[in-house]
Structure formats: C-alpha cells, structure tokens
Amino acid sequence: MKQLDQYELRDLKRIYRTLHGQLQQDFELMDSELLHDLQTYLQAQATADGVDVSLHAQWAAWLNDGKPVDCPLE
C-alpha cells in the first residue's frame, strides 16, 4: 500500500474536498481516521508551502489551488 506522499497532491486535495463536502450528509465521516490522516497530511503540505492553515481563507484557497471556493471548508 502506498503512503499518502506517494500520491499526486492534486488528487489528495480533490478527495479531501469531496469527503469534506459530504460531512453534512454523513456525520460519521467526521470521525473517520482516513479523513483525519488526510487532513493532517494536507495541512502539513500547506504549512510547508507557507499557508497559515488556521486561517480558513488561506487553507481553502490552497486546497482549491487558488480557485474560488464553491463550498466553505472549515
């Protein structure tokens, strides 16, 4: 099995955005170990890119590669 760092970052971001977008419909995702690990990994990558992940706007912009955010990420 691959480690997260062996996948394309753009794919990981897309998967995270998709899962996060489903939280309202599936609250159990909030406790998912996979979602937590993915978020932790992505936040470390964002931080390495100079993003302050505690600032929602910066985190959301990074996740969307600077494109407008369709659905809020918090």
PDB file of N, CA and C in Angstrom:
ATOM      1  N   MET A   1       0.845  -1.172   0.000  1.00  0.00           N
ATOM      2  CA  MET A   1       0.000   0.000   0.000  1.00  0.00           C
ATOM      3  C   MET A   1       0.895   1.242   0.000  1.00  0.00           C
ATOM      4  N   LYS A   2       0.501   2.230  -0.785  1.00  0.00           N
ATOM      5  CA  LYS A   2       1.249   3.485  -0.867  1.00  0.00           C
ATOM      6  C   LYS A   2       1.015   4.346   0.373  1.00  0.00           C
ATOM      7  N   GLN A   3       2.004   5.148   0.673  1.00  0.00           N
ATOM      8  CA  GLN A   3       1.869   6.195   1.678  1.00  0.00           C
ATOM      9  C   GLN A   3       1.247   7.416   0.995  1.00  0.00           C
ATOM     10  N   LEU A   4       0.662   8.304   1.787  1.00  0.00           N
ATOM     11  CA  LEU A   4      -0.001   9.484   1.209  1.00  0.00           C
ATOM     12  C   LEU A   4       0.943  10.316   0.349  1.00  0.00           C
ATOM     13  N   ASP A   5       2.212  10.394   0.747  1.00  0.00           N
ATOM     14  CA  ASP A   5       3.139  11.234  -0.005  1.00  0.00           C
ATOM     15  C   ASP A   5       3.504  10.655  -1.373  1.00  0.00           C
ATOM     16  N   GLN A   6       3.014   9.460  -1.677  1.00  0.00           N
ATOM     17  CA  GLN A   6       3.285   8.854  -2.971  1.00  0.00           C
ATOM     18  C   GLN A   6       2.164   9.114  -3.984  1.00  0.00           C
ATOM     19  N   TYR A   7       1.120   9.799  -3.551  1.00  0.00           N
ATOM     20  CA  TYR A   7       0.006  10.146  -4.432  1.00  0.00           C
ATOM     21  C   TYR A   7       0.160  11.577  -4.905  1.00  0.00           C
ATOM     22  N   GLU A   8      -0.463  11.899  -6.017  1.00  0.00           N
ATOM     23  CA  GLU A   8      -0.466  13.267  -6.531  1.00  0.00           C
ATOM     24  C   GLU A   8      -1.199  14.171  -5.548  1.00  0.00           C
ATOM     25  N   LEU A   9      -0.591  15.289  -5.218  1.00  0.00           N
ATOM     26  CA  LEU A   9      -1.187  16.230  -4.278  1.00  0.00           C
ATOM     27  C   LEU A   9      -2.540  16.723  -4.775  1.00  0.00           C
ATOM     28  N   ARG A  10      -2.652  16.987  -6.056  1.00  0.00           N
ATOM     29  CA  ARG A  10      -3.935  17.480  -6.593  1.00  0.00           C
ATOM     30  C   ARG A  10      -5.049  16.451  -6.387  1.00  0.00           C
ATOM     31  N   ASP A  11      -4.713  15.148  -6.502  1.00  0.00           N
ATOM     32  CA  ASP A  11      -5.707  14.100  -6.274  1.00  0.00           C
ATOM     33  C   ASP A  11      -6.113  14.040  -4.804  1.00  0.00           C
ATOM     34  N   LEU A  12      -5.145  14.167  -3.912  1.00  0.00           N
ATOM     35  CA  LEU A  12      -5.446  14.156  -2.478  1.00  0.00           C
ATOM     36  C   LEU A  12      -6.332  15.340  -2.092  1.00  0.00           C
ATOM     37  N   LYS A  13      -6.039  16.498  -2.675  1.00  0.00           N
ATOM     38  CA  LYS A  13      -6.868  17.674  -2.406  1.00  0.00           C
ATOM     39  C   LYS A  13      -8.298  17.443  -2.891  1.00  0.00           C
ATOM     40  N   ARG A  14      -8.445  16.895  -4.081  1.00  0.00           N
ATOM     41  CA  ARG A  14      -9.769  16.638  -4.641  1.00  0.00           C
ATOM     42  C   ARG A  14     -10.539  15.639  -3.765  1.00  0.00           C
ATOM     43  N   ILE A  15      -9.881  14.599  -3.328  1.00  0.00           N
ATOM     44  CA  ILE A  15     -10.523  13.605  -2.458  1.00  0.00           C
ATOM     45  C   ILE A  15     -10.935  14.244  -1.139  1.00  0.00           C
ATOM     46  N   TYR A  16     -10.056  15.055  -0.565  1.00  0.00           N
ATOM     47  CA  TYR A  16     -10.386  15.723   0.689  1.00  0.00           C
ATOM     48  C   TYR A  16     -11.589  16.648   0.522  1.00  0.00           C
ATOM     49  N   ARG A  17     -11.584  17.455  -0.540  1.00  0.00           N
ATOM     50  CA  ARG A  17     -12.707  18.368  -0.770  1.00  0.00           C
ATOM     51  C   ARG A  17     -14.010  17.590  -0.933  1.00  0.00           C
ATOM     52  N   THR A  18     -13.943  16.461  -1.627  1.00  0.00           N
ATOM     53  CA  THR A  18     -15.138  15.642  -1.839  1.00  0.00           C
ATOM     54  C   THR A  18     -15.651  15.071  -0.521  1.00  0.00           C
ATOM     55  N   LEU A  19     -14.752  14.488   0.258  1.00  0.00           N
ATOM     56  CA  LEU A  19     -15.159  13.924   1.548  1.00  0.00           C
ATOM     57  C   LEU A  19     -15.682  15.015   2.479  1.00  0.00           C
ATOM     58  N   HIS A  20     -14.965  16.123   2.534  1.00  0.00           N
ATOM     59  CA  HIS A  20     -15.382  17.216   3.418  1.00  0.00           C
ATOM     60  C   HIS A  20     -16.754  17.744   3.017  1.00  0.00           C
ATOM     61  N   GLY A  21     -17.014  17.776   1.734  1.00  0.00           N
ATOM     62  CA  GLY A  21     -18.305  18.244   1.237  1.00  0.00           C
ATOM     63  C   GLY A  21     -19.462  17.329   1.608  1.00  0.00           C
ATOM     64  N   GLN A  22     -19.169  16.116   2.014  1.00  0.00           N
ATOM     65  CA  GLN A  22     -20.205  15.155   2.381  1.00  0.00           C
ATOM     66  C   GLN A  22     -20.476  15.096   3.884  1.00  0.00           C
ATOM     67  N   LEU A  23     -19.780  15.891   4.662  1.00  0.00           N
ATOM     68  CA  LEU A  23     -19.929  15.823   6.124  1.00  0.00           C
ATOM     69  C   LEU A  23     -21.355  16.085   6.584  1.00  0.00           C
ATOM     70  N   GLN A  24     -22.073  16.973   5.921  1.00  0.00           N
ATOM     71  CA  GLN A  24     -23.446  17.270   6.317  1.00  0.00           C
ATOM     72  C   GLN A  24     -24.375  16.082   6.086  1.00  0.00           C
ATOM     73  N   GLN A  25     -24.051  15.272   5.081  1.00  0.00           N
ATOM     74  CA  GLN A  25     -24.895  14.118   4.761  1.00  0.00           C
ATOM     75  C   GLN A  25     -24.455  12.853   5.507  1.00  0.00           C
ATOM     76  N   ASP A  26     -23.203  12.819   5.940  1.00  0.00           N
ATOM     77  CA  ASP A  26     -22.666  11.625   6.600  1.00  0.00           C
ATOM     78  C   ASP A  26     -21.754  12.049   7.748  1.00  0.00           C
ATOM     79  N   PHE A  27     -22.354  12.279   8.908  1.00  0.00           N
ATOM     80  CA  PHE A  27     -21.609  12.789  10.060  1.00  0.00           C
ATOM     81  C   PHE A  27     -20.519  11.829  10.536  1.00  0.00           C
ATOM     82  N   GLU A  28     -20.650  10.551  10.229  1.00  0.00           N
ATOM     83  CA  GLU A  28     -19.639   9.571  10.643  1.00  0.00           C
ATOM     84  C   GLU A  28     -18.289   9.843   9.977  1.00  0.00           C
ATOM     85  N   LEU A  29     -18.312  10.521   8.829  1.00  0.00           N
ATOM     86  CA  LEU A  29     -17.054  10.880   8.178  1.00  0.00           C
ATOM     87  C   LEU A  29     -16.195  11.753   9.080  1.00  0.00           C
ATOM     88  N   MET A  30     -16.832  12.559   9.929  1.00  0.00           N
ATOM     89  CA  MET A  30     -16.100  13.459  10.818  1.00  0.00           C
ATOM     90  C   MET A  30     -15.127  12.681  11.705  1.00  0.00           C
ATOM     91  N   ASP A  31     -15.499  11.461  12.078  1.00  0.00           N
ATOM     92  CA  ASP A  31     -14.671  10.636  12.950  1.00  0.00           C
ATOM     93  C   ASP A  31     -13.800   9.652  12.178  1.00  0.00           C
ATOM     94  N   SER A  32     -13.809   9.752  10.869  1.00  0.00           N
ATOM     95  CA  SER A  32     -13.039   8.837  10.044  1.00  0.00           C
ATOM     96  C   SER A  32     -11.540   9.051  10.242  1.00  0.00           C
ATOM     97  N   GLU A  33     -10.854   7.973  10.533  1.00  0.00           N
ATOM     98  CA  GLU A  33      -9.404   8.037  10.693  1.00  0.00           C
ATOM     99  C   GLU A  33      -8.730   8.436   9.381  1.00  0.00           C
ATOM    100  N   LEU A  34      -9.260   7.937   8.280  1.00  0.00           N
ATOM    101  CA  LEU A  34      -8.711   8.285   6.971  1.00  0.00           C
ATOM    102  C   LEU A  34      -8.841   9.790   6.705  1.00  0.00           C
ATOM    103  N   LEU A  35     -10.004  10.358   6.956  1.00  0.00           N
ATOM    104  CA  LEU A  35     -10.195  11.795   6.735  1.00  0.00           C
ATOM    105  C   LEU A  35      -9.259  12.591   7.632  1.00  0.00           C
ATOM    106  N   HIS A  36      -9.107  12.176   8.870  1.00  0.00           N
ATOM    107  CA  HIS A  36      -8.208  12.868   9.797  1.00  0.00           C
ATOM    108  C   HIS A  36      -6.764  12.797   9.301  1.00  0.00           C
ATOM    109  N   ASP A  37      -6.316  11.609   8.894  1.00  0.00           N
ATOM    110  CA  ASP A  37      -4.947  11.455   8.394  1.00  0.00           C
ATOM    111  C   ASP A  37      -4.719  12.277   7.134  1.00  0.00           C
ATOM    112  N   LEU A  38      -5.703  12.282   6.253  1.00  0.00           N
ATOM    113  CA  LEU A  38      -5.596  13.054   5.021  1.00  0.00           C
ATOM    114  C   LEU A  38      -5.519  14.548   5.322  1.00  0.00           C
ATOM    115  N   GLN A  39      -6.371  15.019   6.236  1.00  0.00           N
ATOM    116  CA  GLN A  39      -6.347  16.434   6.602  1.00  0.00           C
ATOM    117  C   GLN A  39      -5.010  16.808   7.243  1.00  0.00           C
ATOM    118  N   THR A  40      -4.513  15.975   8.126  1.00  0.00           N
ATOM    119  CA  THR A  40      -3.228  16.234   8.781  1.00  0.00           C
ATOM    120  C   THR A  40      -2.105  16.315   7.755  1.00  0.00           C
ATOM    121  N   TYR A  41      -2.098  15.386   6.825  1.00  0.00           N
ATOM    122  CA  TYR A  41      -1.076  15.379   5.777  1.00  0.00           C
ATOM    123  C   TYR A  41      -1.172  16.644   4.918  1.00  0.00           C
ATOM    124  N   LEU A  42      -2.377  16.973   4.487  1.00  0.00           N
ATOM    125  CA  LEU A  42      -2.558  18.149   3.632  1.00  0.00           C
ATOM    126  C   LEU A  42      -2.206  19.436   4.373  1.00  0.00           C
ATOM    127  N   GLN A  43      -2.548  19.514   5.640  1.00  0.00           N
ATOM    128  CA  GLN A  43      -2.202  20.715   6.403  1.00  0.00           C
ATOM    129  C   GLN A  43      -0.688  20.858   6.544  1.00  0.00           C
ATOM    130  N   ALA A  44       0.020  19.745   6.693  1.00  0.00           N
ATOM    131  CA  ALA A  44       1.483  19.802   6.753  1.00  0.00           C
ATOM    132  C   ALA A  44       2.052  20.285   5.421  1.00  0.00           C
ATOM    133  N   GLN A  45       1.475  19.817   4.317  1.00  0.00           N
ATOM    134  CA  GLN A  45       1.921  20.256   2.999  1.00  0.00           C
ATOM    135  C   GLN A  45       1.643  21.741   2.799  1.00  0.00           C
ATOM    136  N   ALA A  46       0.461  22.174   3.210  1.00  0.00           N
ATOM    137  CA  ALA A  46       0.096  23.587   3.079  1.00  0.00           C
ATOM    138  C   ALA A  46       1.027  24.458   3.914  1.00  0.00           C
ATOM    139  N   THR A  47       1.311  24.029   5.128  1.00  0.00           N
ATOM    140  CA  THR A  47       2.210  24.773   6.003  1.00  0.00           C
ATOM    141  C   THR A  47       3.592  24.885   5.366  1.00  0.00           C
ATOM    142  N   ALA A  48       4.071  23.798   4.771  1.00  0.00           N
ATOM    143  CA  ALA A  48       5.363  23.819   4.073  1.00  0.00           C
ATOM    144  C   ALA A  48       5.349  24.797   2.898  1.00  0.00           C
ATOM    145  N   ASP A  49       4.168  25.032   2.333  1.00  0.00           N
ATOM    146  CA  ASP A  49       4.008  25.997   1.237  1.00  0.00           C
ATOM    147  C   ASP A  49       3.798  27.420   1.746  1.00  0.00           C
ATOM    148  N   GLY A  50       3.880  27.610   3.067  1.00  0.00           N
ATOM    149  CA  GLY A  50       3.744  28.950   3.639  1.00  0.00           C
ATOM    150  C   GLY A  50       2.325  29.354   3.966  1.00  0.00           C
ATOM    151  N   VAL A  51       1.401  28.410   3.979  1.00  0.00           N
ATOM    152  CA  VAL A  51      -0.004  28.700   4.262  1.00  0.00           C
ATOM    153  C   VAL A  51      -0.244  28.598   5.761  1.00  0.00           C
ATOM    154  N   ASP A  52      -0.960  29.576   6.305  1.00  0.00           N
ATOM    155  CA  ASP A  52      -1.397  29.508   7.697  1.00  0.00           C
ATOM    156  C   ASP A  52      -2.734  28.774   7.703  1.00  0.00           C
ATOM    157  N   VAL A  53      -2.704  27.485   8.028  1.00  0.00           N
ATOM    158  CA  VAL A  53      -3.915  26.662   7.940  1.00  0.00           C
ATOM    159  C   VAL A  53      -4.950  27.027   8.995  1.00  0.00           C
ATOM    160  N   SER A  54      -4.564  27.851   9.967  1.00  0.00           N
ATOM    161  CA  SER A  54      -5.550  28.297  10.956  1.00  0.00           C
ATOM    162  C   SER A  54      -6.430  29.412  10.387  1.00  0.00           C
ATOM    163  N   LEU A  55      -6.037  29.954   9.240  1.00  0.00           N
ATOM    164  CA  LEU A  55      -6.826  30.974   8.562  1.00  0.00           C
ATOM    165  C   LEU A  55      -7.624  30.299   7.449  1.00  0.00           C
ATOM    166  N   HIS A  56      -8.921  30.226   7.649  1.00  0.00           N
ATOM    167  CA  HIS A  56      -9.798  29.496   6.736  1.00  0.00           C
ATOM    168  C   HIS A  56      -9.595  29.897   5.278  1.00  0.00           C
ATOM    169  N   ALA A  57      -9.500  31.178   5.014  1.00  0.00           N
ATOM    170  CA  ALA A  57      -9.379  31.651   3.630  1.00  0.00           C
ATOM    171  C   ALA A  57      -8.100  31.117   2.976  1.00  0.00           C
ATOM    172  N   GLN A  58      -7.009  31.126   3.710  1.00  0.00           N
ATOM    173  CA  GLN A  58      -5.745  30.620   3.156  1.00  0.00           C
ATOM    174  C   GLN A  58      -5.810  29.113   2.923  1.00  0.00           C
ATOM    175  N   TRP A  59      -6.334  28.391   3.895  1.00  0.00           N
ATOM    176  CA  TRP A  59      -6.462  26.936   3.798  1.00  0.00           C
ATOM    177  C   TRP A  59      -7.361  26.561   2.616  1.00  0.00           C
ATOM    178  N   ALA A  60      -8.514  27.205   2.506  1.00  0.00           N
ATOM    179  CA  ALA A  60      -9.454  26.908   1.432  1.00  0.00           C
ATOM    180  C   ALA A  60      -8.855  27.246   0.065  1.00  0.00           C
ATOM    181  N   ALA A  61      -8.174  28.379  -0.026  1.00  0.00           N
ATOM    182  CA  ALA A  61      -7.550  28.767  -1.294  1.00  0.00           C
ATOM    183  C   ALA A  61      -6.475  27.765  -1.700  1.00  0.00           C
ATOM    184  N   TRP A  62      -5.691  27.314  -0.746  1.00  0.00           N
ATOM    185  CA  TRP A  62      -4.649  26.331  -1.047  1.00  0.00           C
ATOM    186  C   TRP A  62      -5.269  25.015  -1.519  1.00  0.00           C
ATOM    187  N   LEU A  63      -6.309  24.571  -0.831  1.00  0.00           N
ATOM    188  CA  LEU A  63      -6.982  23.326  -1.213  1.00  0.00           C
ATOM    189  C   LEU A  63      -7.554  23.405  -2.621  1.00  0.00           C
ATOM    190  N   ASN A  64      -7.937  24.598  -3.030  1.00  0.00           N
ATOM    191  CA  ASN A  64      -8.561  24.803  -4.340  1.00  0.00           C
ATOM    192  C   ASN A  64      -7.593  25.391  -5.360  1.00  0.00           C
ATOM    193  N   ASP A  65      -6.307  25.330  -5.051  1.00  0.00           N
ATOM    194  CA  ASP A  65      -5.279  25.850  -5.953  1.00  0.00           C
ATOM    195  C   ASP A  65      -5.561  27.277  -6.388  1.00  0.00           C
ATOM    196  N   GLY A  66      -6.079  28.078  -5.449  1.00  0.00           N
ATOM    197  CA  GLY A  66      -6.343  29.482  -5.712  1.00  0.00           C
ATOM    198  C   GLY A  66      -7.649  29.767  -6.423  1.00  0.00           C
ATOM    199  N   LYS A  67      -8.404  28.722  -6.779  1.00  0.00           N
ATOM    200  CA  LYS A  67      -9.670  28.904  -7.462  1.00  0.00           C
ATOM    201  C   LYS A  67     -10.753  29.264  -6.440  1.00  0.00           C
ATOM    202  N   PRO A  68     -11.820  29.929  -6.866  1.00  0.00           N
ATOM    203  CA  PRO A  68     -12.908  30.264  -5.940  1.00  0.00           C
ATOM    204  C   PRO A  68     -13.460  29.010  -5.283  1.00  0.00           C
ATOM    205  N   VAL A  69     -13.792  29.159  -4.017  1.00  0.00           N
ATOM    206  CA  VAL A  69     -14.315  28.038  -3.232  1.00  0.00           C
ATOM    207  C   VAL A  69     -15.830  27.978  -3.408  1.00  0.00           C
ATOM    208  N   ASP A  70     -16.323  26.845  -3.916  1.00  0.00           N
ATOM    209  CA  ASP A  70     -17.760  26.664  -4.103  1.00  0.00           C
ATOM    210  C   ASP A  70     -18.467  26.390  -2.790  1.00  0.00           C
ATOM    211  N   CYS A  71     -17.821  25.597  -1.932  1.00  0.00           N
ATOM    212  CA  CYS A  71     -18.453  25.235  -0.672  1.00  0.00           C
ATOM    213  C   CYS A  71     -17.459  25.507   0.441  1.00  0.00           C
ATOM    214  N   PRO A  72     -17.904  26.144   1.509  1.00  0.00           N
ATOM    215  CA  PRO A  72     -16.981  26.510   2.594  1.00  0.00           C
ATOM    216  C   PRO A  72     -16.307  25.274   3.209  1.00  0.00           C
ATOM    217  N   LEU A  73     -15.048  25.414   3.497  1.00  0.00           N
ATOM    218  CA  LEU A  73     -14.287  24.370   4.193  1.00  0.00           C
ATOM    219  C   LEU A  73     -13.903  24.915   5.553  1.00  0.00           C
ATOM    220  N   GLU A  74     -14.285  24.246   6.583  1.00  0.00           N
ATOM    221  CA  GLU A  74     -13.930  24.711   7.928  1.00  0.00           C
ATOM    222  C   GLU A  74     -13.397  23.575   8.723  1.00  0.00           C
TER     223      GLU A  74
END
